N, C-alpha and C. Protein backbone atom coordinates (compact mmCIF):
# COMPACT_ATOMS: atom_id res chain seq x y z
N MET A 1 58.31 17.69 39.00
CA MET A 1 58.24 16.76 38.14
C MET A 1 57.68 15.73 39.56
N LEU A 2 56.17 14.98 39.03
CA LEU A 2 56.04 13.94 40.24
C LEU A 2 56.72 12.56 39.56
N ALA A 3 56.96 11.76 40.68
CA ALA A 3 57.86 10.67 40.81
C ALA A 3 56.55 9.46 40.98
N ILE A 4 56.84 8.52 39.80
CA ILE A 4 56.02 7.57 39.59
C ILE A 4 56.83 6.73 39.55
N ASP A 5 56.43 4.86 39.73
CA ASP A 5 57.36 3.60 39.85
C ASP A 5 56.11 3.37 38.51
N PRO A 6 57.48 3.47 37.20
CA PRO A 6 56.11 2.71 36.06
C PRO A 6 55.75 1.04 36.34
N TYR A 7 56.71 0.27 37.42
CA TYR A 7 56.48 -0.53 37.44
C TYR A 7 55.25 -1.32 38.07
N THR A 8 55.01 0.00 39.27
CA THR A 8 54.14 -0.51 40.35
C THR A 8 52.69 0.79 40.28
N LEU A 9 53.06 1.12 39.25
CA LEU A 9 52.36 1.88 39.34
C LEU A 9 51.56 2.92 40.60
N GLU A 10 52.85 3.67 41.36
CA GLU A 10 52.59 4.02 42.60
C GLU A 10 53.36 5.59 42.65
N GLY A 11 52.20 6.19 43.44
CA GLY A 11 53.74 7.85 43.50
C GLY A 11 52.31 8.65 43.69
N PRO A 12 52.42 9.73 44.26
CA PRO A 12 51.21 10.40 44.71
C PRO A 12 49.99 11.38 43.50
N ALA A 13 50.62 10.68 42.35
CA ALA A 13 49.11 11.07 41.42
C ALA A 13 48.42 9.87 41.74
N PHE A 14 48.77 8.40 41.77
CA PHE A 14 47.85 7.65 41.66
C PHE A 14 46.71 7.11 43.34
N ASP A 15 48.30 7.48 43.67
CA ASP A 15 47.87 8.15 46.07
C ASP A 15 45.98 8.55 45.89
N ARG A 16 46.42 9.67 44.99
CA ARG A 16 44.89 10.37 45.67
C ARG A 16 43.73 9.58 44.70
N LEU A 17 44.12 8.28 43.94
CA LEU A 17 42.67 7.89 42.62
C LEU A 17 42.05 6.91 44.12
N SER A 18 42.58 6.50 44.73
CA SER A 18 42.24 4.58 45.37
C SER A 18 41.61 5.45 46.56
N SER A 19 40.59 4.36 46.70
CA SER A 19 39.17 4.31 47.70
C SER A 19 39.92 4.14 48.58
N ARG A 20 40.86 3.13 48.72
CA ARG A 20 41.33 2.96 50.53
C ARG A 20 40.97 3.59 51.28
N THR A 21 40.82 3.22 52.63
CA THR A 21 40.94 3.82 53.77
C THR A 21 42.07 4.48 54.48
N SER A 22 42.02 5.05 54.72
CA SER A 22 43.30 5.26 55.61
C SER A 22 43.37 5.01 56.46
N ARG A 23 43.90 5.12 58.17
CA ARG A 23 45.15 4.65 59.01
C ARG A 23 43.36 5.17 59.92
N SER A 24 42.97 6.39 60.16
CA SER A 24 42.23 7.11 60.86
C SER A 24 40.51 6.33 60.50
N GLY A 25 40.58 6.01 58.76
CA GLY A 25 39.11 5.51 59.02
C GLY A 25 38.42 5.93 57.83
N ALA A 26 39.18 6.95 57.71
CA ALA A 26 38.37 7.77 56.57
C ALA A 26 38.73 7.87 55.37
N SER A 27 38.28 8.00 54.05
CA SER A 27 38.98 7.38 52.55
C SER A 27 38.99 8.40 52.76
N GLU A 28 40.81 8.12 51.41
CA GLU A 28 41.50 9.19 50.87
C GLU A 28 40.87 10.54 50.34
N PRO A 29 40.01 10.55 49.91
CA PRO A 29 40.17 11.89 49.62
C PRO A 29 39.64 12.56 50.89
N GLU A 30 38.43 11.94 51.87
CA GLU A 30 38.60 12.39 52.94
C GLU A 30 38.96 12.96 54.13
N ALA A 31 40.04 11.67 53.89
CA ALA A 31 41.86 12.47 54.57
C ALA A 31 42.36 13.72 54.42
N GLU A 32 42.42 13.66 52.85
CA GLU A 32 42.96 14.38 52.34
C GLU A 32 42.92 16.31 52.23
N THR A 33 41.12 16.68 52.50
CA THR A 33 40.50 17.39 52.01
C THR A 33 39.21 17.50 53.86
N GLY A 34 39.70 16.45 53.76
CA GLY A 34 38.88 17.12 55.53
C GLY A 34 37.53 16.58 55.59
N ARG A 35 37.27 16.67 54.02
CA ARG A 35 35.63 16.35 54.02
C ARG A 35 34.95 14.91 52.69
N PRO A 36 33.98 14.00 53.33
CA PRO A 36 33.68 12.94 52.72
C PRO A 36 34.05 13.55 50.63
N GLY A 37 34.51 12.17 50.00
CA GLY A 37 34.30 12.11 49.26
C GLY A 37 34.48 11.05 48.09
N LYS A 38 34.30 11.23 47.04
CA LYS A 38 34.76 9.78 45.78
C LYS A 38 35.24 10.30 45.45
N ALA A 39 36.36 8.96 44.73
CA ALA A 39 37.53 9.16 44.09
C ALA A 39 37.45 8.94 42.08
N PHE A 40 36.22 8.21 42.21
CA PHE A 40 35.52 7.61 41.09
C PHE A 40 33.90 7.56 40.95
N ALA A 41 33.39 8.13 39.86
CA ALA A 41 32.16 8.05 39.49
C ALA A 41 31.59 6.40 39.77
N THR A 42 30.54 6.52 40.61
CA THR A 42 29.36 5.46 41.15
C THR A 42 28.15 5.48 40.67
N PRO A 43 28.10 4.47 39.50
CA PRO A 43 26.41 4.18 39.13
C PRO A 43 25.10 3.37 39.56
N GLN A 44 24.37 4.45 40.45
CA GLN A 44 23.16 4.51 40.91
C GLN A 44 22.17 4.19 40.56
N SER A 45 21.25 3.39 40.58
CA SER A 45 20.16 2.86 39.41
C SER A 45 18.44 3.85 40.40
N ASN A 46 17.93 4.38 39.79
CA ASN A 46 17.10 5.46 40.39
C ASN A 46 15.40 4.27 40.28
N SER A 47 15.09 4.63 41.49
CA SER A 47 14.56 3.25 41.66
C SER A 47 13.04 3.71 41.27
N THR A 48 12.32 4.80 41.10
CA THR A 48 11.40 5.42 40.46
C THR A 48 11.30 5.19 39.20
N THR A 49 12.41 5.77 37.94
CA THR A 49 12.95 5.83 36.79
C THR A 49 13.31 4.69 36.24
N GLY A 50 14.08 3.71 37.42
CA GLY A 50 15.38 3.06 36.13
C GLY A 50 16.41 3.48 35.94
N ALA A 51 16.96 4.54 36.24
CA ALA A 51 17.56 5.30 34.77
C ALA A 51 18.63 5.66 35.99
N THR A 52 19.79 5.12 35.68
CA THR A 52 21.07 5.11 36.49
C THR A 52 21.43 6.42 36.57
N VAL A 53 21.57 6.91 37.76
CA VAL A 53 22.24 8.17 37.91
C VAL A 53 23.72 8.21 38.40
N MET A 54 24.80 8.71 38.06
CA MET A 54 26.04 8.93 38.38
C MET A 54 26.43 10.25 39.47
N ASN A 55 27.56 9.54 40.53
CA ASN A 55 27.89 10.87 40.95
C ASN A 55 29.06 11.21 40.52
N ILE A 56 28.89 11.75 38.78
CA ILE A 56 29.88 13.31 38.70
C ILE A 56 29.38 14.81 38.59
N ARG A 57 29.83 15.47 38.24
CA ARG A 57 29.65 16.45 38.36
C ARG A 57 30.15 17.67 37.61
N PRO A 58 29.72 17.88 36.31
CA PRO A 58 30.39 18.74 35.24
C PRO A 58 30.76 20.05 36.15
N LEU A 59 32.11 21.06 35.81
CA LEU A 59 32.28 22.21 36.41
C LEU A 59 31.49 23.25 35.62
N GLN A 60 31.91 24.21 35.84
CA GLN A 60 31.21 25.35 35.65
C GLN A 60 30.16 24.83 34.09
N ASP A 61 30.38 25.64 32.87
CA ASP A 61 29.62 25.55 31.76
C ASP A 61 30.20 24.25 30.58
N ARG A 62 30.21 22.76 31.81
CA ARG A 62 30.86 21.82 31.32
C ARG A 62 29.02 20.72 31.57
N VAL A 63 28.79 20.03 29.91
CA VAL A 63 28.26 19.31 29.98
C VAL A 63 28.30 18.28 29.04
N ILE A 64 27.92 16.83 30.15
CA ILE A 64 28.41 15.71 29.61
C ILE A 64 27.07 15.34 29.36
N LEU A 65 27.17 14.38 27.96
CA LEU A 65 26.47 14.05 26.59
C LEU A 65 26.81 12.65 26.67
N LYS A 66 25.21 11.78 26.88
CA LYS A 66 25.57 10.09 26.15
C LYS A 66 25.19 10.19 24.18
N ARG A 67 25.99 9.03 24.30
CA ARG A 67 25.96 9.92 22.16
C ARG A 67 24.52 9.56 22.14
N VAL A 68 23.60 9.40 21.43
CA VAL A 68 22.27 8.94 20.79
C VAL A 68 22.73 7.56 19.84
N LYS A 69 22.55 6.20 19.43
CA LYS A 69 23.21 5.17 18.46
C LYS A 69 21.86 5.49 17.50
N GLU A 70 23.12 5.09 16.47
CA GLU A 70 22.68 5.89 14.88
C GLU A 70 22.40 4.13 14.24
N GLU A 71 21.30 3.95 13.21
CA GLU A 71 20.53 3.21 12.62
C GLU A 71 21.34 2.27 12.34
N GLU A 72 21.51 0.58 12.68
CA GLU A 72 22.54 -0.25 12.52
C GLU A 72 22.06 -0.89 10.87
N LYS A 73 20.57 -0.20 10.01
CA LYS A 73 20.67 -0.56 8.34
C LYS A 73 20.08 0.72 8.08
N THR A 74 20.34 0.82 6.65
CA THR A 74 20.35 1.76 5.71
C THR A 74 19.10 1.21 5.49
N LYS A 75 17.98 2.35 5.21
CA LYS A 75 16.41 2.38 4.65
C LYS A 75 16.88 1.39 3.17
N GLY A 76 17.78 0.40 2.73
CA GLY A 76 16.97 -0.70 1.67
C GLY A 76 17.47 -1.95 2.53
N GLY A 77 17.90 -1.42 4.11
CA GLY A 77 18.26 -2.76 4.12
C GLY A 77 19.85 -3.52 4.41
N ILE A 78 20.67 -2.86 4.29
CA ILE A 78 21.92 -2.56 4.07
C ILE A 78 22.63 -2.41 5.51
N ILE A 79 22.94 -3.69 5.98
CA ILE A 79 24.03 -3.55 7.67
C ILE A 79 25.49 -2.69 6.82
N ILE A 80 24.76 -1.98 8.26
CA ILE A 80 26.35 -0.65 7.79
C ILE A 80 27.61 -1.39 9.21
N PRO A 81 28.73 -1.63 8.46
CA PRO A 81 29.52 -2.35 9.74
C PRO A 81 30.73 -1.50 10.78
N ASP A 82 30.84 -1.62 11.71
CA ASP A 82 31.18 -0.39 13.23
C ASP A 82 32.08 0.04 11.96
N THR A 83 32.81 -0.36 11.15
CA THR A 83 34.24 0.50 10.51
C THR A 83 33.82 1.53 9.80
N ALA A 84 32.27 1.11 9.55
CA ALA A 84 31.99 2.48 7.87
C ALA A 84 31.02 3.46 8.85
N LYS A 85 31.26 3.11 9.88
CA LYS A 85 29.54 4.54 11.16
C LYS A 85 31.09 5.12 11.59
N GLU A 86 29.89 6.84 10.99
CA GLU A 86 30.65 8.04 11.84
C GLU A 86 30.26 8.27 13.28
N LYS A 87 30.71 8.11 14.10
CA LYS A 87 30.23 9.30 15.09
C LYS A 87 29.10 9.59 15.18
N PRO A 88 27.49 9.67 16.23
CA PRO A 88 26.81 10.53 15.78
C PRO A 88 27.15 12.12 16.51
N ILE A 89 26.61 13.18 16.15
CA ILE A 89 26.53 14.21 16.49
C ILE A 89 25.71 14.71 17.31
N GLU A 90 24.71 14.02 17.61
CA GLU A 90 23.35 14.15 18.69
C GLU A 90 23.59 13.17 19.69
N GLY A 91 23.45 13.85 20.91
CA GLY A 91 23.75 12.97 22.20
C GLY A 91 22.35 13.27 23.60
N GLU A 92 22.06 12.92 24.22
CA GLU A 92 21.65 13.03 25.34
C GLU A 92 22.08 13.26 26.39
N VAL A 93 21.85 15.13 27.14
CA VAL A 93 22.22 15.83 28.03
C VAL A 93 22.70 14.50 29.47
N VAL A 94 23.06 13.84 30.33
CA VAL A 94 23.38 13.30 31.44
C VAL A 94 23.63 14.04 32.37
N ALA A 95 24.16 15.11 32.79
CA ALA A 95 24.44 16.27 33.83
C ALA A 95 24.87 17.11 33.14
N ILE A 96 25.06 18.34 33.82
CA ILE A 96 25.23 20.23 33.97
C ILE A 96 25.91 20.65 35.14
N GLY A 97 26.69 21.38 34.69
CA GLY A 97 26.89 21.93 35.41
C GLY A 97 26.38 23.25 36.32
N ASN A 98 27.51 24.01 37.18
CA ASN A 98 26.40 25.20 37.89
C ASN A 98 26.32 26.92 36.58
N GLY A 99 27.16 26.42 35.33
CA GLY A 99 27.28 27.86 35.01
C GLY A 99 28.31 28.50 34.50
N LYS A 100 28.45 29.83 33.11
CA LYS A 100 29.60 29.85 33.36
C LYS A 100 29.88 31.08 34.21
N VAL A 101 30.76 31.37 34.84
CA VAL A 101 31.20 32.56 35.31
C VAL A 101 31.79 33.76 34.34
N LEU A 102 31.21 34.78 34.65
CA LEU A 102 31.59 35.88 34.08
C LEU A 102 32.56 36.94 34.42
N GLU A 103 32.94 37.50 33.29
CA GLU A 103 33.77 38.76 34.08
C GLU A 103 33.56 38.98 35.10
N ASP A 104 32.82 39.54 35.52
CA ASP A 104 31.73 40.50 36.76
C ASP A 104 32.06 39.12 37.80
N GLY A 105 31.70 38.80 37.68
CA GLY A 105 31.70 37.11 38.55
C GLY A 105 30.34 36.46 39.20
N SER A 106 29.75 37.24 38.39
CA SER A 106 28.50 36.23 38.83
C SER A 106 28.16 35.22 37.46
N VAL A 107 26.72 34.13 37.68
CA VAL A 107 27.45 33.20 37.31
C VAL A 107 25.53 33.00 36.65
N LYS A 108 26.00 32.83 35.09
CA LYS A 108 24.96 32.66 34.00
C LYS A 108 24.35 30.68 34.09
N LYS A 109 23.23 30.90 34.21
CA LYS A 109 22.91 29.23 34.07
C LYS A 109 23.26 29.11 32.63
N LEU A 110 22.92 27.64 33.13
CA LEU A 110 23.18 26.85 31.34
C LEU A 110 21.27 27.12 30.38
N ASP A 111 21.55 26.80 28.98
CA ASP A 111 20.68 26.59 28.50
C ASP A 111 20.08 25.86 28.13
N VAL A 112 21.27 24.82 28.76
CA VAL A 112 20.05 23.00 28.45
C VAL A 112 19.48 22.89 29.69
N LYS A 113 19.41 21.55 30.37
CA LYS A 113 18.71 21.08 31.45
C LYS A 113 19.07 19.50 30.89
N VAL A 114 19.14 18.90 32.07
CA VAL A 114 19.08 17.44 32.25
C VAL A 114 18.48 16.87 30.99
N GLY A 115 18.55 15.75 30.68
CA GLY A 115 17.69 15.16 29.24
C GLY A 115 16.86 15.93 28.32
N ASP A 116 17.39 16.57 27.42
CA ASP A 116 17.39 17.29 26.23
C ASP A 116 18.15 16.68 25.52
N ARG A 117 17.94 16.40 24.00
CA ARG A 117 18.27 15.97 22.99
C ARG A 117 19.35 17.32 22.27
N VAL A 118 20.07 16.76 21.78
CA VAL A 118 20.87 18.29 21.20
C VAL A 118 22.01 17.77 20.48
N LEU A 119 22.40 18.80 19.29
CA LEU A 119 23.24 17.98 18.85
C LEU A 119 24.34 19.16 19.03
N PHE A 120 25.80 18.22 18.57
CA PHE A 120 27.32 19.17 18.70
C PHE A 120 28.02 19.51 17.52
N GLY A 121 29.08 19.87 17.78
CA GLY A 121 30.26 19.08 16.56
C GLY A 121 30.73 17.75 16.54
N LYS A 122 31.08 17.92 15.12
CA LYS A 122 31.64 16.53 15.37
C LYS A 122 32.70 16.23 15.93
N TYR A 123 33.60 17.53 16.52
CA TYR A 123 35.10 16.72 16.77
C TYR A 123 34.87 17.69 18.13
N SER A 124 33.73 17.77 18.73
CA SER A 124 33.64 18.95 19.86
C SER A 124 33.91 17.83 21.04
N GLY A 125 34.39 18.44 22.42
CA GLY A 125 34.84 17.88 23.61
C GLY A 125 35.86 17.09 23.47
N THR A 126 35.76 15.89 25.47
CA THR A 126 36.72 14.81 25.05
C THR A 126 35.98 13.75 25.52
N GLU A 127 36.24 12.76 25.22
CA GLU A 127 35.41 11.57 24.72
C GLU A 127 36.26 11.23 25.90
N VAL A 128 35.60 10.44 27.22
CA VAL A 128 35.61 9.68 28.71
C VAL A 128 34.79 8.07 28.61
N LYS A 129 35.37 8.07 29.73
CA LYS A 129 34.51 6.13 30.13
C LYS A 129 34.31 6.18 31.51
N ILE A 130 32.77 6.11 31.75
CA ILE A 130 32.57 5.87 33.14
C ILE A 130 32.09 5.08 33.51
N GLU A 131 32.38 4.39 33.92
CA GLU A 131 31.66 2.90 34.31
C GLU A 131 31.70 2.00 34.06
N GLY A 132 32.77 2.28 32.38
CA GLY A 132 32.14 0.75 30.77
C GLY A 132 31.46 2.14 29.68
N GLU A 133 30.97 3.01 30.59
CA GLU A 133 30.15 4.01 29.36
C GLU A 133 31.23 4.39 29.07
N GLU A 134 31.12 5.21 27.50
CA GLU A 134 31.11 6.19 26.67
C GLU A 134 30.60 7.33 27.01
N ARG A 135 31.56 8.24 27.20
CA ARG A 135 30.42 9.81 27.53
C ARG A 135 31.24 11.04 26.86
N LEU A 136 30.84 12.19 26.81
CA LEU A 136 31.18 13.02 26.19
C LEU A 136 31.21 13.88 26.98
N ILE A 137 32.22 15.04 27.16
CA ILE A 137 32.19 15.48 27.98
C ILE A 137 32.64 17.28 27.33
N VAL A 138 31.70 17.89 27.11
CA VAL A 138 31.89 19.76 26.35
C VAL A 138 31.14 21.10 26.85
N ARG A 139 32.08 21.86 26.79
CA ARG A 139 31.57 23.20 27.25
C ARG A 139 29.82 23.48 26.57
N GLU A 140 29.14 24.23 27.05
CA GLU A 140 27.84 25.13 26.73
C GLU A 140 28.11 25.24 24.52
N ASP A 141 29.13 26.03 25.06
CA ASP A 141 29.57 26.95 24.03
C ASP A 141 29.33 25.87 22.69
N ASP A 142 29.87 24.49 22.44
CA ASP A 142 29.90 23.31 21.49
C ASP A 142 28.74 23.17 21.20
N ILE A 143 27.45 23.38 21.41
CA ILE A 143 26.45 22.59 21.55
C ILE A 143 26.01 23.71 20.31
N LEU A 144 25.17 22.92 20.00
CA LEU A 144 24.90 24.21 18.30
C LEU A 144 23.62 23.85 18.56
N ALA A 145 22.31 23.47 18.74
CA ALA A 145 20.92 23.29 18.90
C ALA A 145 20.99 22.38 20.09
N VAL A 146 19.22 22.63 20.29
CA VAL A 146 18.30 21.94 21.17
C VAL A 146 17.32 20.57 20.29
N LEU A 147 16.95 20.01 19.97
CA LEU A 147 15.91 19.37 19.54
C LEU A 147 15.14 19.20 20.14
N GLU A 148 13.50 19.70 19.63
CA GLU A 148 12.33 19.92 20.44
C GLU A 148 11.89 18.78 20.37
N LYS A 149 10.86 18.31 20.75
CA LYS A 149 10.03 16.84 21.23
C LYS A 149 8.68 17.06 20.42
């Protein structure tokens, strides 16, 4: 069991999340593992497209999705309040993992690529907040279809 002080939120589990530097001048992820790393995802702007690129990489066959916004109004002009909206089941692929590891040890590449618009199950994946933006991490098996342009 990990010892965590609930009043100061200090302990071994929280020490790994810090981005402070150690006495040696290395960041904590580097001090612990001997290699440089980042504890948090930090968005960077792509100068050619202006798109935000995040320093986060999903593992194996996981995919990070950005939900596509639904219409605020119906065709008849009625504005739908946030409480009555259902979460969309359509999203855009933001990042993909390396692929699914098969029983024989080989890696099967994913069928989706960054930028694809996909449909996924209503209750699929894990919702996370990365740098203030809602994202969904799903396995490739939870993706139902790729929408063609």
